[in-house]
PDB file of all heavy atoms in Angstrom:
ATOM      1  N   PHE A   1       0.847  -1.175  -0.024  1.00  0.00           N
ATOM      2  CA  PHE A   1       0.010   0.027  -0.050  1.00  0.00           C
ATOM      3  C   PHE A   1       0.847   1.254   0.004  1.00  0.00           C
ATOM      4  O   PHE A   1       0.594   2.198  -0.715  1.00  0.00           O
ATOM      5  CB  PHE A   1      -0.932  -0.002   1.229  1.00  0.00           C
ATOM      6  CG  PHE A   1      -1.872   1.148   1.309  1.00  0.00           C
ATOM      7  CD1 PHE A   1      -2.689   1.498   0.270  1.00  0.00           C
ATOM      8  CD2 PHE A   1      -1.829   1.986   2.417  1.00  0.00           C
ATOM      9  CE1 PHE A   1      -3.573   2.545   0.350  1.00  0.00           C
ATOM     10  CE2 PHE A   1      -2.690   3.088   2.513  1.00  0.00           C
ATOM     11  CZ  PHE A   1      -3.590   3.356   1.457  1.00  0.00           C
ATOM     12  N   GLY A   2       1.959   1.247   0.840  1.00  0.00           N
ATOM     13  CA  GLY A   2       2.865   2.376   0.830  1.00  0.00           C
ATOM     14  C   GLY A   2       3.538   2.629  -0.512  1.00  0.00           C
ATOM     15  O   GLY A   2       3.625   3.819  -0.926  1.00  0.00           O
ATOM     16  N   VAL A   3       3.908   1.590  -1.177  1.00  0.00           N
ATOM     17  CA  VAL A   3       4.505   1.713  -2.540  1.00  0.00           C
ATOM     18  C   VAL A   3       3.518   2.391  -3.478  1.00  0.00           C
ATOM     19  O   VAL A   3       3.874   3.291  -4.234  1.00  0.00           O
ATOM     20  CB  VAL A   3       4.997   0.320  -3.061  1.00  0.00           C
ATOM     21  CG1 VAL A   3       5.272   0.400  -4.498  1.00  0.00           C
ATOM     22  CG2 VAL A   3       6.171  -0.122  -2.263  1.00  0.00           C
ATOM     23  N   TRP A   4       2.296   1.856  -3.508  1.00  0.00           N
ATOM     24  CA  TRP A   4       1.278   2.455  -4.426  1.00  0.00           C
ATOM     25  C   TRP A   4       1.007   3.915  -4.067  1.00  0.00           C
ATOM     26  O   TRP A   4       0.850   4.750  -4.946  1.00  0.00           O
ATOM     27  CB  TRP A   4      -0.029   1.611  -4.320  1.00  0.00           C
ATOM     28  CG  TRP A   4      -1.178   2.206  -5.103  1.00  0.00           C
ATOM     29  CD1 TRP A   4      -2.327   2.722  -4.647  1.00  0.00           C
ATOM     30  CD2 TRP A   4      -1.275   2.315  -6.522  1.00  0.00           C
ATOM     31  NE1 TRP A   4      -3.159   3.167  -5.607  1.00  0.00           N
ATOM     32  CE2 TRP A   4      -2.482   2.940  -6.794  1.00  0.00           C
ATOM     33  CE3 TRP A   4      -0.428   2.002  -7.588  1.00  0.00           C
ATOM     34  CZ2 TRP A   4      -2.954   3.227  -8.105  1.00  0.00           C
ATOM     35  CZ3 TRP A   4      -0.863   2.259  -8.894  1.00  0.00           C
ATOM     36  CH2 TRP A   4      -2.089   2.845  -9.130  1.00  0.00           C
ATOM     37  N   MET A   5       0.899   4.210  -2.770  1.00  0.00           N
ATOM     38  CA  MET A   5       0.591   5.591  -2.354  1.00  0.00           C
ATOM     39  C   MET A   5       1.769   6.552  -2.703  1.00  0.00           C
ATOM     40  O   MET A   5       1.493   7.747  -2.938  1.00  0.00           O
ATOM     41  CB  MET A   5       0.285   5.632  -0.890  1.00  0.00           C
ATOM     42  CG  MET A   5      -1.162   5.201  -0.562  1.00  0.00           C
ATOM     43  SD  MET A   5      -2.470   5.977  -1.417  1.00  0.00           S
ATOM     44  CE  MET A   5      -2.148   7.740  -1.089  1.00  0.00           C
ATOM     45  N   MET A   6       3.017   6.096  -2.726  1.00  0.00           N
ATOM     46  CA  MET A   6       4.059   6.952  -3.125  1.00  0.00           C
ATOM     47  C   MET A   6       3.881   7.389  -4.581  1.00  0.00           C
ATOM     48  O   MET A   6       4.144   8.556  -4.969  1.00  0.00           O
ATOM     49  CB  MET A   6       5.444   6.244  -2.986  1.00  0.00           C
ATOM     50  CG  MET A   6       5.820   6.046  -1.513  1.00  0.00           C
ATOM     51  SD  MET A   6       6.044   7.589  -0.587  1.00  0.00           S
ATOM     52  CE  MET A   6       4.420   7.571   0.278  1.00  0.00           C
ATOM     53  N   ALA A   7       3.458   6.440  -5.442  1.00  0.00           N
ATOM     54  CA  ALA A   7       3.209   6.763  -6.845  1.00  0.00           C
ATOM     55  C   ALA A   7       2.055   7.777  -6.930  1.00  0.00           C
ATOM     56  O   ALA A   7       2.117   8.782  -7.678  1.00  0.00           O
ATOM     57  CB  ALA A   7       2.952   5.507  -7.635  1.00  0.00           C
ATOM     58  N   VAL A   8       0.948   7.464  -6.225  1.00  0.00           N
ATOM     59  CA  VAL A   8      -0.179   8.345  -6.225  1.00  0.00           C
ATOM     60  C   VAL A   8       0.153   9.738  -5.687  1.00  0.00           C
ATOM     61  O   VAL A   8      -0.223  10.745  -6.346  1.00  0.00           O
ATOM     62  CB  VAL A   8      -1.348   7.749  -5.368  1.00  0.00           C
ATOM     63  CG1 VAL A   8      -2.467   8.734  -5.139  1.00  0.00           C
ATOM     64  CG2 VAL A   8      -1.855   6.453  -5.974  1.00  0.00           C
ATOM     65  N   GLN A   9       0.866   9.820  -4.564  1.00  0.00           N
ATOM     66  CA  GLN A   9       1.180  11.076  -3.964  1.00  0.00           C
ATOM     67  C   GLN A   9       2.004  11.954  -4.892  1.00  0.00           C
ATOM     68  O   GLN A   9       1.625  13.159  -5.048  1.00  0.00           O
ATOM     69  CB  GLN A   9       2.054  10.816  -2.677  1.00  0.00           C
ATOM     70  CG  GLN A   9       2.456  12.019  -1.971  1.00  0.00           C
ATOM     71  CD  GLN A   9       1.353  12.770  -1.296  1.00  0.00           C
ATOM     72  OE1 GLN A   9       0.465  12.216  -0.577  1.00  0.00           O
ATOM     73  NE2 GLN A   9       1.216  14.080  -1.605  1.00  0.00           N
ATOM     74  N   TYR A  10       3.013  11.471  -5.497  1.00  0.00           N
ATOM     75  CA  TYR A  10       3.908  12.384  -6.236  1.00  0.00           C
ATOM     76  C   TYR A  10       3.504  12.588  -7.683  1.00  0.00           C
ATOM     77  O   TYR A  10       3.711  13.674  -8.192  1.00  0.00           O
ATOM     78  CB  TYR A  10       5.338  11.851  -6.149  1.00  0.00           C
ATOM     79  CG  TYR A  10       5.921  11.919  -4.722  1.00  0.00           C
ATOM     80  CD1 TYR A  10       6.043  10.794  -3.942  1.00  0.00           C
ATOM     81  CD2 TYR A  10       6.241  13.196  -4.214  1.00  0.00           C
ATOM     82  CE1 TYR A  10       6.503  10.935  -2.639  1.00  0.00           C
ATOM     83  CE2 TYR A  10       6.699  13.310  -2.951  1.00  0.00           C
ATOM     84  CZ  TYR A  10       6.848  12.180  -2.143  1.00  0.00           C
ATOM     85  OH  TYR A  10       7.319  12.361  -0.874  1.00  0.00           O
ATOM     86  N   ILE A  11       2.933  11.619  -8.305  1.00  0.00           N
ATOM     87  CA  ILE A  11       2.418  11.816  -9.715  1.00  0.00           C
ATOM     88  C   ILE A  11       1.220  12.759  -9.687  1.00  0.00           C
ATOM     89  O   ILE A  11       1.068  13.519 -10.658  1.00  0.00           O
ATOM     90  CB  ILE A  11       2.001  10.465 -10.390  1.00  0.00           C
ATOM     91  CG1 ILE A  11       3.209   9.600 -10.609  1.00  0.00           C
ATOM     92  CG2 ILE A  11       1.251  10.720 -11.673  1.00  0.00           C
ATOM     93  CD1 ILE A  11       4.196  10.158 -11.647  1.00  0.00           C
ATOM     94  N   ASP A  12       0.553  12.853  -8.592  1.00  0.00           N
ATOM     95  CA  ASP A  12      -0.626  13.688  -8.496  1.00  0.00           C
ATOM     96  C   ASP A  12      -0.249  15.228  -8.651  1.00  0.00           C
ATOM     97  O   ASP A  12      -1.041  16.031  -9.113  1.00  0.00           O
ATOM     98  CB  ASP A  12      -1.346  13.486  -7.196  1.00  0.00           C
ATOM     99  CG  ASP A  12      -2.669  14.311  -7.190  1.00  0.00           C
ATOM    100  OD1 ASP A  12      -3.468  14.118  -8.119  1.00  0.00           O
ATOM    101  OD2 ASP A  12      -2.941  15.063  -6.259  1.00  0.00           O
ATOM    102  N   TYR A  13       0.986  15.597  -8.239  1.00  0.00           N
ATOM    103  CA  TYR A  13       1.345  17.027  -8.343  1.00  0.00           C
ATOM    104  C   TYR A  13       1.378  17.498  -9.790  1.00  0.00           C
ATOM    105  O   TYR A  13       0.673  18.470 -10.149  1.00  0.00           O
ATOM    106  CB  TYR A  13       2.705  17.289  -7.664  1.00  0.00           C
ATOM    107  CG  TYR A  13       2.703  17.111  -6.210  1.00  0.00           C
ATOM    108  CD1 TYR A  13       3.544  16.151  -5.609  1.00  0.00           C
ATOM    109  CD2 TYR A  13       1.900  17.832  -5.399  1.00  0.00           C
ATOM    110  CE1 TYR A  13       3.515  15.961  -4.199  1.00  0.00           C
ATOM    111  CE2 TYR A  13       1.837  17.657  -3.961  1.00  0.00           C
ATOM    112  CZ  TYR A  13       2.674  16.750  -3.409  1.00  0.00           C
ATOM    113  OH  TYR A  13       2.669  16.563  -2.058  1.00  0.00           O
ATOM    114  N   PRO A  14       2.099  16.849 -10.710  1.00  0.00           N
ATOM    115  CA  PRO A  14       2.047  17.307 -12.087  1.00  0.00           C
ATOM    116  C   PRO A  14       0.671  17.059 -12.742  1.00  0.00           C
ATOM    117  O   PRO A  14       0.204  17.866 -13.570  1.00  0.00           O
ATOM    118  CB  PRO A  14       3.121  16.538 -12.790  1.00  0.00           C
ATOM    119  CG  PRO A  14       3.386  15.329 -11.940  1.00  0.00           C
ATOM    120  CD  PRO A  14       3.127  15.812 -10.535  1.00  0.00           C
ATOM    121  N   ALA A  15      -0.006  15.996 -12.359  1.00  0.00           N
ATOM    122  CA  ALA A  15      -1.370  15.748 -12.894  1.00  0.00           C
ATOM    123  C   ALA A  15      -2.299  16.796 -12.515  1.00  0.00           C
ATOM    124  O   ALA A  15      -3.135  17.328 -13.378  1.00  0.00           O
ATOM    125  CB  ALA A  15      -1.831  14.346 -12.412  1.00  0.00           C
ATOM    126  N   ASP A  16      -2.277  17.223 -11.231  1.00  0.00           N
ATOM    127  CA  ASP A  16      -3.157  18.270 -10.731  1.00  0.00           C
ATOM    128  C   ASP A  16      -2.796  19.618 -11.435  1.00  0.00           C
ATOM    129  O   ASP A  16      -3.693  20.360 -11.823  1.00  0.00           O
ATOM    130  CB  ASP A  16      -3.051  18.427  -9.249  1.00  0.00           C
ATOM    131  CG  ASP A  16      -4.020  19.429  -8.642  1.00  0.00           C
ATOM    132  OD1 ASP A  16      -5.129  19.571  -9.164  1.00  0.00           O
ATOM    133  OD2 ASP A  16      -3.660  20.114  -7.710  1.00  0.00           O
ATOM    134  N   ASN A  17      -1.491  19.918 -11.599  1.00  0.00           N
ATOM    135  CA  ASN A  17      -1.124  21.116 -12.215  1.00  0.00           C
ATOM    136  C   ASN A  17      -1.607  21.199 -13.656  1.00  0.00           C
ATOM    137  O   ASN A  17      -1.882  22.284 -14.183  1.00  0.00           O
ATOM    138  CB  ASN A  17       0.459  21.250 -12.271  1.00  0.00           C
ATOM    139  CG  ASN A  17       0.985  21.572 -10.914  1.00  0.00           C
ATOM    140  OD1 ASN A  17       0.271  22.127 -10.045  1.00  0.00           O
ATOM    141  ND2 ASN A  17       2.315  21.384 -10.739  1.00  0.00           N
ATOM    142  N   ASN A  18      -1.829  20.014 -14.256  1.00  0.00           N
ATOM    143  CA  ASN A  18      -2.303  19.990 -15.675  1.00  0.00           C
ATOM    144  C   ASN A  18      -3.773  19.678 -15.717  1.00  0.00           C
ATOM    145  O   ASN A  18      -4.260  19.237 -16.758  1.00  0.00           O
ATOM    146  CB  ASN A  18      -1.507  18.947 -16.435  1.00  0.00           C
ATOM    147  CG  ASN A  18      -0.094  19.415 -16.731  1.00  0.00           C
ATOM    148  OD1 ASN A  18       0.074  20.236 -17.653  1.00  0.00           O
ATOM    149  ND2 ASN A  18       0.921  19.017 -16.000  1.00  0.00           N
ATOM    150  N   LYS A  19      -4.536  19.904 -14.640  1.00  0.00           N
ATOM    151  CA  LYS A  19      -5.952  19.810 -14.564  1.00  0.00           C
ATOM    152  C   LYS A  19      -6.482  18.397 -14.860  1.00  0.00           C
ATOM    153  O   LYS A  19      -7.654  18.279 -15.324  1.00  0.00           O
ATOM    154  CB  LYS A  19      -6.638  20.754 -15.578  1.00  0.00           C
ATOM    155  CG  LYS A  19      -6.091  22.215 -15.499  1.00  0.00           C
ATOM    156  CD  LYS A  19      -6.374  22.828 -14.141  1.00  0.00           C
ATOM    157  CE  LYS A  19      -6.081  24.331 -14.102  1.00  0.00           C
ATOM    158  NZ  LYS A  19      -4.624  24.617 -14.222  1.00  0.00           N
ATOM    159  N   LEU A  20      -5.760  17.390 -14.532  1.00  0.00           N
ATOM    160  CA  LEU A  20      -6.279  16.044 -14.664  1.00  0.00           C
ATOM    161  C   LEU A  20      -7.074  15.690 -13.368  1.00  0.00           C
ATOM    162  O   LEU A  20      -6.573  15.897 -12.270  1.00  0.00           O
ATOM    163  CB  LEU A  20      -5.096  15.011 -14.827  1.00  0.00           C
ATOM    164  CG  LEU A  20      -5.468  13.662 -15.366  1.00  0.00           C
ATOM    165  CD1 LEU A  20      -5.930  13.770 -16.852  1.00  0.00           C
ATOM    166  CD2 LEU A  20      -4.250  12.705 -15.300  1.00  0.00           C
ATOM    167  N   SER A  21      -8.275  15.176 -13.589  1.00  0.00           N
ATOM    168  CA  SER A  21      -9.119  14.912 -12.416  1.00  0.00           C
ATOM    169  C   SER A  21      -8.513  13.758 -11.620  1.00  0.00           C
ATOM    170  O   SER A  21      -7.628  12.978 -12.102  1.00  0.00           O
ATOM    171  CB  SER A  21     -10.505  14.483 -12.870  1.00  0.00           C
ATOM    172  OG  SER A  21     -10.510  13.212 -13.488  1.00  0.00           O
ATOM    173  N   TRP A  22      -8.997  13.552 -10.344  1.00  0.00           N
ATOM    174  CA  TRP A  22      -8.437  12.573  -9.516  1.00  0.00           C
ATOM    175  C   TRP A  22      -8.653  11.145 -10.105  1.00  0.00           C
ATOM    176  O   TRP A  22      -7.719  10.382 -10.146  1.00  0.00           O
ATOM    177  CB  TRP A  22      -9.167  12.624  -8.137  1.00  0.00           C
ATOM    178  CG  TRP A  22      -8.843  11.540  -7.202  1.00  0.00           C
ATOM    179  CD1 TRP A  22      -9.564  10.381  -6.902  1.00  0.00           C
ATOM    180  CD2 TRP A  22      -7.610  11.367  -6.412  1.00  0.00           C
ATOM    181  NE1 TRP A  22      -8.868   9.609  -6.016  1.00  0.00           N
ATOM    182  CE2 TRP A  22      -7.686  10.217  -5.677  1.00  0.00           C
ATOM    183  CE3 TRP A  22      -6.449  12.182  -6.334  1.00  0.00           C
ATOM    184  CZ2 TRP A  22      -6.672   9.735  -4.874  1.00  0.00           C
ATOM    185  CZ3 TRP A  22      -5.419  11.774  -5.455  1.00  0.00           C
ATOM    186  CH2 TRP A  22      -5.556  10.568  -4.732  1.00  0.00           C
ATOM    187  N   ASP A  23      -9.836  10.897 -10.543  1.00  0.00           N
ATOM    188  CA  ASP A  23     -10.151   9.530 -11.123  1.00  0.00           C
ATOM    189  C   ASP A  23      -9.295   9.320 -12.428  1.00  0.00           C
ATOM    190  O   ASP A  23      -8.779   8.182 -12.644  1.00  0.00           O
ATOM    191  CB  ASP A  23     -11.610   9.384 -11.450  1.00  0.00           C
ATOM    192  CG  ASP A  23     -12.460   9.322 -10.160  1.00  0.00           C
ATOM    193  OD1 ASP A  23     -11.954   8.934  -9.126  1.00  0.00           O
ATOM    194  OD2 ASP A  23     -13.630   9.621 -10.265  1.00  0.00           O
ATOM    195  N   ASP A  24      -9.113  10.333 -13.216  1.00  0.00           N
ATOM    196  CA  ASP A  24      -8.327  10.159 -14.446  1.00  0.00           C
ATOM    197  C   ASP A  24      -6.904  10.014 -14.052  1.00  0.00           C
ATOM    198  O   ASP A  24      -6.166   9.233 -14.777  1.00  0.00           O
ATOM    199  CB  ASP A  24      -8.481  11.410 -15.320  1.00  0.00           C
ATOM    200  CG  ASP A  24      -9.875  11.418 -16.031  1.00  0.00           C
ATOM    201  OD1 ASP A  24     -10.510  10.426 -16.016  1.00  0.00           O
ATOM    202  OD2 ASP A  24     -10.253  12.535 -16.529  1.00  0.00           O
ATOM    203  N   MET A  25      -6.403  10.617 -13.001  1.00  0.00           N
ATOM    204  CA  MET A  25      -4.991  10.432 -12.631  1.00  0.00           C
ATOM    205  C   MET A  25      -4.785   9.013 -12.134  1.00  0.00           C
ATOM    206  O   MET A  25      -3.781   8.406 -12.494  1.00  0.00           O
ATOM    207  CB  MET A  25      -4.702  11.422 -11.439  1.00  0.00           C
ATOM    208  CG  MET A  25      -3.272  11.361 -10.970  1.00  0.00           C
ATOM    209  SD  MET A  25      -2.934  10.119  -9.709  1.00  0.00           S
ATOM    210  CE  MET A  25      -3.966  10.685  -8.338  1.00  0.00           C
ATOM    211  N   LEU A  26      -5.740   8.456 -11.353  1.00  0.00           N
ATOM    212  CA  LEU A  26      -5.577   7.030 -10.960  1.00  0.00           C
ATOM    213  C   LEU A  26      -5.620   6.106 -12.166  1.00  0.00           C
ATOM    214  O   LEU A  26      -4.821   5.142 -12.242  1.00  0.00           O
ATOM    215  CB  LEU A  26      -6.697   6.657 -10.005  1.00  0.00           C
ATOM    216  CG  LEU A  26      -6.704   7.285  -8.584  1.00  0.00           C
ATOM    217  CD1 LEU A  26      -7.922   6.853  -7.762  1.00  0.00           C
ATOM    218  CD2 LEU A  26      -5.394   6.918  -7.863  1.00  0.00           C
ATOM    219  N   ALA A  27      -6.441   6.384 -13.156  1.00  0.00           N
ATOM    220  CA  ALA A  27      -6.503   5.582 -14.325  1.00  0.00           C
ATOM    221  C   ALA A  27      -5.240   5.679 -15.143  1.00  0.00           C
ATOM    222  O   ALA A  27      -4.724   4.711 -15.683  1.00  0.00           O
ATOM    223  CB  ALA A  27      -7.757   6.005 -15.187  1.00  0.00           C
ATOM    224  N   TRP A  28      -4.616   6.894 -15.171  1.00  0.00           N
ATOM    225  CA  TRP A  28      -3.363   7.077 -15.875  1.00  0.00           C
ATOM    226  C   TRP A  28      -2.238   6.255 -15.167  1.00  0.00           C
ATOM    227  O   TRP A  28      -1.439   5.620 -15.884  1.00  0.00           O
ATOM    228  CB  TRP A  28      -3.021   8.544 -15.735  1.00  0.00           C
ATOM    229  CG  TRP A  28      -1.881   8.994 -16.606  1.00  0.00           C
ATOM    230  CD1 TRP A  28      -1.924   9.484 -17.898  1.00  0.00           C
ATOM    231  CD2 TRP A  28      -0.465   9.060 -16.258  1.00  0.00           C
ATOM    232  NE1 TRP A  28      -0.687   9.824 -18.308  1.00  0.00           N
ATOM    233  CE2 TRP A  28       0.242   9.567 -17.370  1.00  0.00           C
ATOM    234  CE3 TRP A  28       0.223   8.743 -15.075  1.00  0.00           C
ATOM    235  CZ2 TRP A  28       1.616   9.728 -17.382  1.00  0.00           C
ATOM    236  CZ3 TRP A  28       1.616   8.912 -15.099  1.00  0.00           C
ATOM    237  CH2 TRP A  28       2.297   9.413 -16.171  1.00  0.00           C
ATOM    238  N   LEU A  29      -2.248   6.191 -13.846  1.00  0.00           N
ATOM    239  CA  LEU A  29      -1.290   5.394 -13.138  1.00  0.00           C
ATOM    240  C   LEU A  29      -1.509   3.898 -13.412  1.00  0.00           C
ATOM    241  O   LEU A  29      -0.496   3.135 -13.636  1.00  0.00           O
ATOM    242  CB  LEU A  29      -1.349   5.678 -11.647  1.00  0.00           C
ATOM    243  CG  LEU A  29      -0.701   6.919 -11.155  1.00  0.00           C
ATOM    244  CD1 LEU A  29      -0.940   7.171  -9.667  1.00  0.00           C
ATOM    245  CD2 LEU A  29       0.828   6.902 -11.387  1.00  0.00           C
ATOM    246  N   ARG A  30      -2.760   3.468 -13.355  1.00  0.00           N
ATOM    247  CA  ARG A  30      -3.014   2.024 -13.541  1.00  0.00           C
ATOM    248  C   ARG A  30      -2.668   1.569 -14.907  1.00  0.00           C
ATOM    249  O   ARG A  30      -2.271   0.447 -15.116  1.00  0.00           O
ATOM    250  CB  ARG A  30      -4.488   1.713 -13.270  1.00  0.00           C
ATOM    251  CG  ARG A  30      -4.918   1.966 -11.848  1.00  0.00           C
ATOM    252  CD  ARG A  30      -6.349   1.519 -11.545  1.00  0.00           C
ATOM    253  NE  ARG A  30      -6.815   1.823 -10.237  1.00  0.00           N
ATOM    254  CZ  ARG A  30      -7.685   2.783  -9.939  1.00  0.00           C
ATOM    255  NH1 ARG A  30      -8.247   3.446 -10.958  1.00  0.00           N
ATOM    256  NH2 ARG A  30      -8.027   3.015  -8.682  1.00  0.00           N
ATOM    257  N   ALA A  31      -2.764   2.493 -15.911  1.00  0.00           N
ATOM    258  CA  ALA A  31      -2.393   2.115 -17.293  1.00  0.00           C
ATOM    259  C   ALA A  31      -0.900   1.973 -17.417  1.00  0.00           C
ATOM    260  O   ALA A  31      -0.406   1.341 -18.374  1.00  0.00           O
ATOM    261  CB  ALA A  31      -2.872   3.194 -18.236  1.00  0.00           C
ATOM    262  N   ARG A  32      -0.128   2.489 -16.450  1.00  0.00           N
ATOM    263  CA  ARG A  32       1.349   2.380 -16.355  1.00  0.00           C
ATOM    264  C   ARG A  32       1.763   1.694 -15.073  1.00  0.00           C
ATOM    265  O   ARG A  32       2.561   2.159 -14.277  1.00  0.00           O
ATOM    266  CB  ARG A  32       1.935   3.748 -16.531  1.00  0.00           C
ATOM    267  CG  ARG A  32       1.619   4.451 -17.823  1.00  0.00           C
ATOM    268  CD  ARG A  32       1.763   5.933 -17.702  1.00  0.00           C
ATOM    269  NE  ARG A  32       1.437   6.577 -18.978  1.00  0.00           N
ATOM    270  CZ  ARG A  32       0.190   6.815 -19.431  1.00  0.00           C
ATOM    271  NH1 ARG A  32      -0.843   6.514 -18.677  1.00  0.00           N
ATOM    272  NH2 ARG A  32       0.014   7.452 -20.557  1.00  0.00           N
ATOM    273  N   ARG A  33       1.053   0.556 -14.801  1.00  0.00           N
ATOM    274  CA  ARG A  33       1.178  -0.089 -13.405  1.00  0.00           C
ATOM    275  C   ARG A  33       2.565  -0.401 -13.033  1.00  0.00           C
ATOM    276  O   ARG A  33       2.994  -0.083 -11.918  1.00  0.00           O
ATOM    277  CB  ARG A  33       0.294  -1.326 -13.444  1.00  0.00           C
ATOM    278  CG  ARG A  33       0.136  -1.867 -12.049  1.00  0.00           C
ATOM    279  CD  ARG A  33      -0.826  -3.092 -12.075  1.00  0.00           C
ATOM    280  NE  ARG A  33      -2.093  -2.784 -12.635  1.00  0.00           N
ATOM    281  CZ  ARG A  33      -3.120  -2.294 -11.914  1.00  0.00           C
ATOM    282  NH1 ARG A  33      -2.955  -2.013 -10.685  1.00  0.00           N
ATOM    283  NH2 ARG A  33      -4.266  -2.012 -12.476  1.00  0.00           N
TER     284      ARG A  33
END
């Protein structure tokens, strides 16, 4: 869980800066699992 949350935590900064929604950001990460 900690490993997954590290990816979520840090990728979310550029994703949020680029107006990607939360659900779309998670989908983006899962597509690059």
